[in-house]
Amino acid sequence: MKVFPYILVAVVCAIVVPCLVTFCVNGKQGDGTVSLERISTGRDVLVQTKAGNELVDVEKYVAHIMPGIVDASADDSYLQAQAVALRTKVYYAMGDATVIQASDLEFQYYTEGDYIAKWGRENYKSVKARYERAVIATKGKIIEQKENN
């Protein structure tokens, strides 16, 4: 009977200690969603804003040009298809380069202020999130032509 408390403590420690170590090393993981701010493809667009020049990852760039191309009320699958098409066009324009100037592309880049101006302070975050979800859902996908052999 005196062994039982020691076994219980050992089992609890075997479960709790690894959890605590993992939490300390990795920190809070949130809800598991991916943010465009954390995505890095290694390919960037140099965007000129009022604040100056900013290197923007292609994935984030695609999300910020979508408002000028496709209506925010479009179906999710349509938004995703447009994200793939726009990403393909940007990659095609870049060729093998890792950076391209936004002025070499034909798209309007929507800043936070542009989103607010178009959809209002109350609505812009939900609209922006729809575009970002479409880009994240299709991350890295492009349209490629298969060669006929």
Protein backbone atom coordinates (compact mmCIF):
# COMPACT_ATOMS: atom_id res chain seq x y z
CA MET A 1 0.00 0.00 0.00
CA LYS A 2 2.89 2.38 0.63
CA VAL A 3 4.11 1.85 -2.96
CA PHE A 4 0.90 3.17 -4.59
CA PRO A 5 1.54 6.90 -3.87
CA TYR A 6 5.02 6.58 -5.37
CA ILE A 7 3.65 4.93 -8.50
CA LEU A 8 0.96 7.63 -8.81
CA VAL A 9 3.55 10.40 -8.46
CA ALA A 10 5.80 8.71 -11.05
CA VAL A 11 2.94 8.40 -13.55
CA VAL A 12 1.88 12.03 -13.07
CA CYS A 13 5.47 13.19 -13.46
CA ALA A 14 5.88 11.06 -16.59
CA ILE A 15 2.92 12.89 -18.13
CA VAL A 16 3.27 16.42 -16.77
CA VAL A 17 7.04 16.96 -17.05
CA PRO A 18 7.24 16.36 -20.85
CA CYS A 19 4.24 18.64 -21.36
CA LEU A 20 5.87 21.41 -19.34
CA VAL A 21 9.18 21.01 -21.15
CA THR A 22 7.43 21.14 -24.54
CA PHE A 23 5.50 24.25 -23.53
CA CYS A 24 8.65 25.97 -22.27
CA VAL A 25 10.59 25.17 -25.44
CA ASN A 26 7.85 25.88 -28.01
CA GLY A 27 5.70 28.40 -26.18
CA LYS A 28 1.99 28.80 -26.74
CA GLN A 29 0.98 27.44 -30.14
CA GLY A 30 -2.32 29.28 -30.53
CA ASP A 31 -5.18 27.79 -32.49
CA GLY A 32 -2.99 26.05 -35.08
CA THR A 33 -3.77 28.49 -37.86
CA VAL A 34 -1.07 29.67 -40.22
CA SER A 35 -0.48 33.38 -40.60
CA LEU A 36 0.77 34.98 -43.78
CA GLU A 37 3.27 36.85 -41.62
CA ARG A 38 4.95 33.52 -40.79
CA ILE A 39 5.13 32.20 -44.37
CA SER A 40 8.39 32.64 -46.23
CA THR A 41 8.78 31.31 -49.74
CA GLY A 42 12.12 33.00 -50.33
CA ARG A 43 10.56 35.00 -53.16
CA ASP A 44 9.59 38.61 -52.55
CA VAL A 45 7.97 41.62 -54.17
CA LEU A 46 9.41 45.07 -53.48
CA VAL A 47 6.37 47.22 -52.76
CA GLN A 48 6.47 51.00 -52.49
CA THR A 49 4.13 52.31 -49.80
CA LYS A 50 3.74 55.67 -48.08
CA ALA A 51 6.03 54.34 -45.35
CA GLY A 52 8.74 53.47 -47.88
CA ASN A 53 9.89 50.33 -49.66
CA GLU A 54 8.90 47.00 -48.18
CA LEU A 55 9.93 43.48 -49.18
CA VAL A 56 6.75 41.39 -49.14
CA ASP A 57 6.67 37.61 -49.51
CA VAL A 58 4.83 36.50 -52.65
CA GLU A 59 2.11 34.80 -50.58
CA LYS A 60 1.33 37.98 -48.65
CA TYR A 61 1.57 40.00 -51.87
CA VAL A 62 -1.05 37.79 -53.55
CA ALA A 63 -3.44 38.28 -50.61
CA HIS A 64 -2.97 42.05 -50.86
CA ILE A 65 -3.61 42.29 -54.61
CA MET A 66 -6.69 40.08 -54.60
CA PRO A 67 -9.10 42.91 -53.60
CA GLY A 68 -8.38 44.61 -56.92
CA ILE A 69 -9.12 41.43 -58.87
CA VAL A 70 -11.88 39.49 -57.17
CA ASP A 71 -14.87 40.54 -55.07
CA ALA A 72 -14.64 39.62 -51.39
CA SER A 73 -18.12 38.08 -51.46
CA ALA A 74 -17.04 35.44 -54.00
CA ASP A 75 -17.21 31.75 -53.11
CA ASP A 76 -14.21 30.34 -51.21
CA SER A 77 -13.27 28.00 -54.08
CA TYR A 78 -13.32 30.93 -56.52
CA LEU A 79 -11.07 32.97 -54.21
CA GLN A 80 -8.68 30.02 -54.02
CA ALA A 81 -8.63 29.62 -57.80
CA GLN A 82 -7.86 33.31 -58.18
CA ALA A 83 -5.06 33.04 -55.61
CA VAL A 84 -3.45 30.25 -57.64
CA ALA A 85 -3.85 32.20 -60.90
CA LEU A 86 -2.38 35.39 -59.42
CA ARG A 87 0.51 33.54 -57.78
CA THR A 88 1.23 31.87 -61.14
CA LYS A 89 1.29 35.24 -62.89
CA VAL A 90 3.67 36.72 -60.30
CA TYR A 91 6.01 33.71 -60.45
CA TYR A 92 5.96 33.79 -64.26
CA ALA A 93 6.91 37.49 -64.21
CA MET A 94 9.71 36.77 -61.70
CA GLY A 95 11.27 34.00 -63.72
CA ASP A 96 14.26 32.71 -61.75
CA ALA A 97 14.62 35.92 -59.73
CA THR A 98 13.94 35.94 -56.01
CA VAL A 99 12.81 39.59 -55.96
CA ILE A 100 10.68 41.63 -58.35
CA GLN A 101 9.54 45.21 -58.09
CA ALA A 102 5.79 45.68 -57.74
CA SER A 103 6.01 48.36 -60.44
CA ASP A 104 6.97 45.57 -62.89
CA LEU A 105 3.62 43.93 -62.18
CA GLU A 106 0.20 45.27 -63.12
CA PHE A 107 -1.51 44.93 -59.76
CA GLN A 108 -2.63 47.36 -57.09
CA TYR A 109 -1.27 46.44 -53.67
CA TYR A 110 -3.84 47.03 -50.94
CA THR A 111 -2.34 48.27 -47.69
CA GLU A 112 -4.12 48.13 -44.33
CA GLY A 113 -5.30 51.68 -44.97
CA ASP A 114 -6.67 50.71 -48.39
CA TYR A 115 -8.62 47.84 -46.82
CA ILE A 116 -10.09 50.20 -44.22
CA ALA A 117 -10.96 52.82 -46.85
CA LYS A 118 -12.74 50.25 -49.02
CA TRP A 119 -14.59 48.17 -46.39
CA GLY A 120 -14.61 50.34 -43.27
CA ARG A 121 -12.91 49.88 -39.92
CA GLU A 122 -15.59 47.45 -38.70
CA ASN A 123 -15.50 45.09 -41.70
CA TYR A 124 -12.02 45.17 -43.18
CA LYS A 125 -10.51 42.47 -40.93
CA SER A 126 -13.09 39.85 -41.94
CA VAL A 127 -12.69 40.73 -45.62
CA LYS A 128 -8.90 40.63 -45.39
CA ALA A 129 -9.11 37.28 -43.60
CA ARG A 130 -11.12 35.78 -46.50
CA TYR A 131 -8.39 36.68 -48.97
CA GLU A 132 -5.66 35.44 -46.63
CA ARG A 133 -7.44 32.11 -46.06
CA ALA A 134 -7.63 31.59 -49.84
CA VAL A 135 -3.90 32.22 -50.19
CA ILE A 136 -2.99 30.01 -47.23
CA ALA A 137 -5.22 27.18 -48.50
CA THR A 138 -3.37 27.21 -51.82
CA LYS A 139 0.09 28.12 -50.50
CA GLY A 140 2.76 27.55 -53.14
CA LYS A 141 0.41 26.18 -55.80
CA ILE A 142 0.83 27.43 -59.34
CA ILE A 143 -0.49 26.44 -62.73
CA GLU A 144 2.10 24.54 -64.74
CA GLN A 145 1.94 23.46 -68.35
CA LYS A 146 2.85 19.84 -68.86
CA GLU A 147 5.10 19.12 -71.76
CA ASN A 148 3.86 16.68 -74.36
CA ASN A 149 6.28 13.87 -75.06
